[in-house]
């Protein structure tokens, strides 16, 4: 007996490889988007610091730009540097 496939419906999903499930600044889920983003994924990517904490791009840029002195990680308070 042979089976012939007439239609195929593929389903896919993606997740970010981060330590947490939510942004430490806006507290929104990483698989969604931040308050300033329009679409999850490329419009609202994750950015890692040298300390390995991840944040939405929009959130960490606002955080860094709001600091009057050398910016620090909002979670661990280490000097903020973008991970290379």
N, C-alpha and C. Protein backbone atom coordinates (compact mmCIF):
# COMPACT_ATOMS: atom_id res chain seq x y z
N UNK A 1 0.85 -1.17 0.00
CA UNK A 1 0.00 0.00 0.00
C UNK A 1 0.90 1.24 0.00
N UNK A 2 0.64 2.18 -0.89
CA UNK A 2 1.38 3.44 -0.97
C UNK A 2 0.47 4.57 -0.55
N UNK A 3 1.10 5.60 0.04
CA UNK A 3 0.36 6.78 0.45
C UNK A 3 0.88 7.95 -0.38
N UNK A 4 -0.02 8.70 -0.97
CA UNK A 4 0.36 9.87 -1.76
C UNK A 4 -0.02 11.13 -0.97
N UNK A 5 0.96 11.99 -0.77
CA UNK A 5 0.71 13.24 -0.05
C UNK A 5 0.19 14.27 -1.04
N UNK A 6 -1.00 14.79 -0.77
CA UNK A 6 -1.62 15.77 -1.66
C UNK A 6 -1.29 17.20 -1.28
N UNK A 7 -1.17 17.47 0.00
CA UNK A 7 -0.84 18.81 0.47
C UNK A 7 0.09 18.70 1.67
N UNK A 8 0.92 19.73 1.84
CA UNK A 8 1.84 19.78 2.96
C UNK A 8 1.77 21.17 3.57
N UNK A 9 1.53 21.25 4.85
CA UNK A 9 1.47 22.53 5.57
C UNK A 9 2.57 22.53 6.63
N UNK A 10 3.59 23.30 6.40
CA UNK A 10 4.70 23.37 7.35
C UNK A 10 4.46 24.47 8.38
N UNK A 11 4.92 24.23 9.58
CA UNK A 11 4.79 25.19 10.65
C UNK A 11 6.18 25.39 11.25
N UNK A 12 6.52 26.63 11.52
CA UNK A 12 7.82 26.89 12.14
C UNK A 12 7.65 27.91 13.25
N UNK A 13 8.63 27.96 14.10
CA UNK A 13 8.64 28.96 15.17
C UNK A 13 10.08 29.32 15.45
N UNK A 14 10.28 30.45 16.14
CA UNK A 14 11.63 30.88 16.50
C UNK A 14 11.62 31.39 17.92
N UNK A 15 12.76 31.33 18.54
CA UNK A 15 12.94 31.89 19.88
C UNK A 15 14.33 32.48 19.95
N UNK A 16 14.50 33.41 20.84
CA UNK A 16 15.81 33.99 21.09
C UNK A 16 16.54 33.11 22.10
N UNK A 17 17.83 33.00 21.96
CA UNK A 17 18.64 32.22 22.89
C UNK A 17 19.15 33.15 23.99
N UNK A 18 18.26 33.47 24.93
CA UNK A 18 18.59 34.39 26.02
C UNK A 18 18.41 33.68 27.35
N UNK A 19 19.06 34.20 28.40
CA UNK A 19 18.96 33.60 29.73
C UNK A 19 17.55 33.74 30.30
N UNK A 20 16.90 34.84 30.00
CA UNK A 20 15.57 35.12 30.53
C UNK A 20 14.55 35.07 29.40
N UNK A 21 13.29 35.16 29.76
CA UNK A 21 12.22 35.18 28.76
C UNK A 21 11.70 36.59 28.52
N UNK A 22 12.07 37.53 29.40
CA UNK A 22 11.58 38.90 29.27
C UNK A 22 12.74 39.89 29.35
N UNK A 23 12.53 41.04 28.76
CA UNK A 23 13.51 42.12 28.80
C UNK A 23 13.56 42.70 30.21
N UNK A 24 14.74 42.88 30.75
CA UNK A 24 14.90 43.41 32.10
C UNK A 24 14.55 44.89 32.22
N UNK A 25 14.32 45.56 31.11
CA UNK A 25 13.98 46.98 31.14
C UNK A 25 12.48 47.17 30.99
N UNK A 26 11.89 46.66 29.90
CA UNK A 26 10.45 46.87 29.66
C UNK A 26 9.59 45.73 30.20
N UNK A 27 10.22 44.59 30.55
CA UNK A 27 9.55 43.40 31.08
C UNK A 27 8.62 42.73 30.06
N UNK A 28 8.74 43.07 28.79
CA UNK A 28 7.95 42.42 27.73
C UNK A 28 8.70 41.16 27.28
N UNK A 29 7.98 40.18 26.79
CA UNK A 29 8.58 38.92 26.35
C UNK A 29 9.51 39.13 25.16
N UNK A 30 10.61 38.39 25.14
CA UNK A 30 11.56 38.49 24.04
C UNK A 30 10.96 37.99 22.72
N UNK A 31 10.02 37.06 22.77
CA UNK A 31 9.44 36.58 21.52
C UNK A 31 8.34 37.51 21.01
N UNK A 32 8.07 38.58 21.74
CA UNK A 32 7.19 39.64 21.28
C UNK A 32 8.05 40.80 20.86
N UNK A 33 7.64 41.99 21.20
CA UNK A 33 8.49 43.14 20.93
C UNK A 33 8.31 44.16 22.05
N UNK A 34 9.23 45.11 22.09
CA UNK A 34 9.19 46.12 23.14
C UNK A 34 8.12 47.16 22.82
N UNK A 35 7.83 48.06 23.75
CA UNK A 35 6.81 49.08 23.50
C UNK A 35 7.11 49.97 22.29
N UNK A 36 8.39 50.14 21.94
CA UNK A 36 8.74 50.97 20.78
C UNK A 36 8.82 50.19 19.48
N UNK A 37 8.76 48.88 19.55
CA UNK A 37 8.85 48.05 18.35
C UNK A 37 7.49 47.85 17.72
N UNK A 38 7.50 47.52 16.44
CA UNK A 38 6.25 47.27 15.74
C UNK A 38 6.03 45.77 15.51
N UNK A 39 7.12 45.07 15.20
CA UNK A 39 7.05 43.63 14.93
C UNK A 39 8.16 42.92 15.68
N UNK A 40 7.90 41.72 16.19
CA UNK A 40 8.99 40.97 16.82
C UNK A 40 10.00 40.51 15.78
N UNK A 41 11.17 40.14 16.25
CA UNK A 41 12.20 39.65 15.32
C UNK A 41 13.13 40.75 14.88
N UNK A 42 13.25 40.95 13.58
CA UNK A 42 14.21 41.92 13.04
C UNK A 42 13.90 43.36 13.41
N UNK A 43 12.63 43.70 13.59
CA UNK A 43 12.27 45.07 13.95
C UNK A 43 12.60 45.37 15.41
N UNK A 44 12.69 44.35 16.21
CA UNK A 44 12.95 44.52 17.63
C UNK A 44 13.93 43.44 18.10
N UNK A 45 15.17 43.49 17.61
CA UNK A 45 16.13 42.42 17.94
C UNK A 45 16.63 42.50 19.37
N UNK A 46 17.22 41.41 19.82
CA UNK A 46 17.87 41.38 21.13
C UNK A 46 19.32 41.80 20.98
N UNK A 47 19.82 42.48 22.00
CA UNK A 47 21.21 42.91 22.05
C UNK A 47 21.78 42.39 23.37
N UNK A 48 22.96 41.77 23.29
CA UNK A 48 23.62 41.25 24.48
C UNK A 48 24.72 42.19 24.91
N UNK A 49 24.89 42.30 26.22
CA UNK A 49 26.01 43.03 26.77
C UNK A 49 27.17 42.08 27.01
N UNK A 50 28.34 42.65 27.30
CA UNK A 50 29.51 41.83 27.61
C UNK A 50 29.24 40.95 28.83
N UNK A 51 28.30 41.37 29.68
CA UNK A 51 27.94 40.62 30.88
C UNK A 51 26.96 39.47 30.58
N UNK A 52 26.58 39.31 29.32
CA UNK A 52 25.68 38.25 28.83
C UNK A 52 24.21 38.46 29.15
N UNK A 53 23.82 39.64 29.62
CA UNK A 53 22.40 39.93 29.76
C UNK A 53 21.89 40.49 28.44
N UNK A 54 20.67 40.10 28.07
CA UNK A 54 20.08 40.52 26.81
C UNK A 54 18.91 41.48 27.06
N UNK A 55 18.73 42.41 26.12
CA UNK A 55 17.65 43.40 26.18
C UNK A 55 17.17 43.66 24.76
N UNK A 56 15.96 44.18 24.62
CA UNK A 56 15.51 44.65 23.32
C UNK A 56 16.43 45.80 22.89
N UNK A 57 16.72 45.89 21.62
CA UNK A 57 17.59 46.95 21.10
C UNK A 57 17.08 48.33 21.51
N UNK A 58 15.79 48.60 21.30
CA UNK A 58 15.23 49.91 21.63
C UNK A 58 15.38 50.22 23.11
N UNK A 59 15.15 49.22 23.96
CA UNK A 59 15.20 49.42 25.41
C UNK A 59 16.61 49.76 25.88
N UNK A 60 17.61 49.00 25.43
CA UNK A 60 18.97 49.25 25.93
C UNK A 60 19.52 50.55 25.37
N UNK A 61 19.16 50.92 24.14
CA UNK A 61 19.61 52.20 23.61
C UNK A 61 19.04 53.36 24.41
N UNK A 62 17.76 53.28 24.77
CA UNK A 62 17.15 54.32 25.63
C UNK A 62 17.86 54.37 26.98
N UNK A 63 18.12 53.20 27.56
CA UNK A 63 18.78 53.12 28.86
C UNK A 63 20.16 53.77 28.82
N UNK A 64 20.96 53.36 27.83
CA UNK A 64 22.33 53.87 27.70
C UNK A 64 22.31 55.39 27.49
N UNK A 65 21.41 55.87 26.64
CA UNK A 65 21.34 57.31 26.35
C UNK A 65 20.78 58.13 27.51
N UNK A 66 20.09 57.49 28.45
CA UNK A 66 19.52 58.23 29.59
C UNK A 66 20.52 58.37 30.75
N UNK A 67 21.62 57.64 30.69
CA UNK A 67 22.60 57.68 31.77
C UNK A 67 23.48 58.93 31.64
N UNK A 68 23.69 59.63 32.75
CA UNK A 68 24.49 60.85 32.73
C UNK A 68 25.98 60.55 32.81
N UNK A 69 26.34 59.43 33.40
CA UNK A 69 27.74 59.03 33.47
C UNK A 69 27.93 57.76 32.65
N UNK A 70 28.97 57.01 32.91
CA UNK A 70 29.20 55.75 32.20
C UNK A 70 28.01 54.83 32.44
N UNK A 71 27.36 54.34 31.39
CA UNK A 71 26.19 53.47 31.58
C UNK A 71 26.58 52.11 32.18
N UNK A 72 25.65 51.58 32.96
CA UNK A 72 25.83 50.28 33.60
C UNK A 72 24.68 49.37 33.18
N UNK A 73 24.92 48.06 33.24
CA UNK A 73 23.88 47.08 32.94
C UNK A 73 22.73 47.26 33.94
N UNK A 74 21.49 47.32 33.47
CA UNK A 74 20.36 47.47 34.39
C UNK A 74 20.18 46.29 35.34
N UNK A 75 20.75 45.13 35.02
CA UNK A 75 20.58 43.94 35.85
C UNK A 75 21.73 43.78 36.84
N UNK A 76 22.96 43.71 36.34
CA UNK A 76 24.09 43.39 37.22
C UNK A 76 24.92 44.61 37.61
N UNK A 77 24.63 45.75 37.03
CA UNK A 77 25.29 47.04 37.34
C UNK A 77 26.76 47.10 36.90
N UNK A 78 27.22 46.13 36.12
CA UNK A 78 28.57 46.22 35.55
C UNK A 78 28.57 47.30 34.49
N UNK A 79 29.74 47.86 34.21
CA UNK A 79 29.86 48.86 33.16
C UNK A 79 29.31 48.26 31.85
N UNK A 80 28.40 48.99 31.19
CA UNK A 80 27.77 48.46 29.99
C UNK A 80 28.71 48.51 28.80
N UNK A 81 28.85 47.37 28.15
CA UNK A 81 29.56 47.27 26.88
C UNK A 81 28.78 46.29 26.02
N UNK A 82 28.60 46.64 24.75
CA UNK A 82 27.92 45.73 23.84
C UNK A 82 28.81 44.53 23.57
N UNK A 83 28.20 43.34 23.56
CA UNK A 83 28.96 42.12 23.31
C UNK A 83 29.39 42.10 21.85
N UNK A 84 30.62 41.70 21.62
CA UNK A 84 31.12 41.65 20.23
C UNK A 84 30.73 40.37 19.55
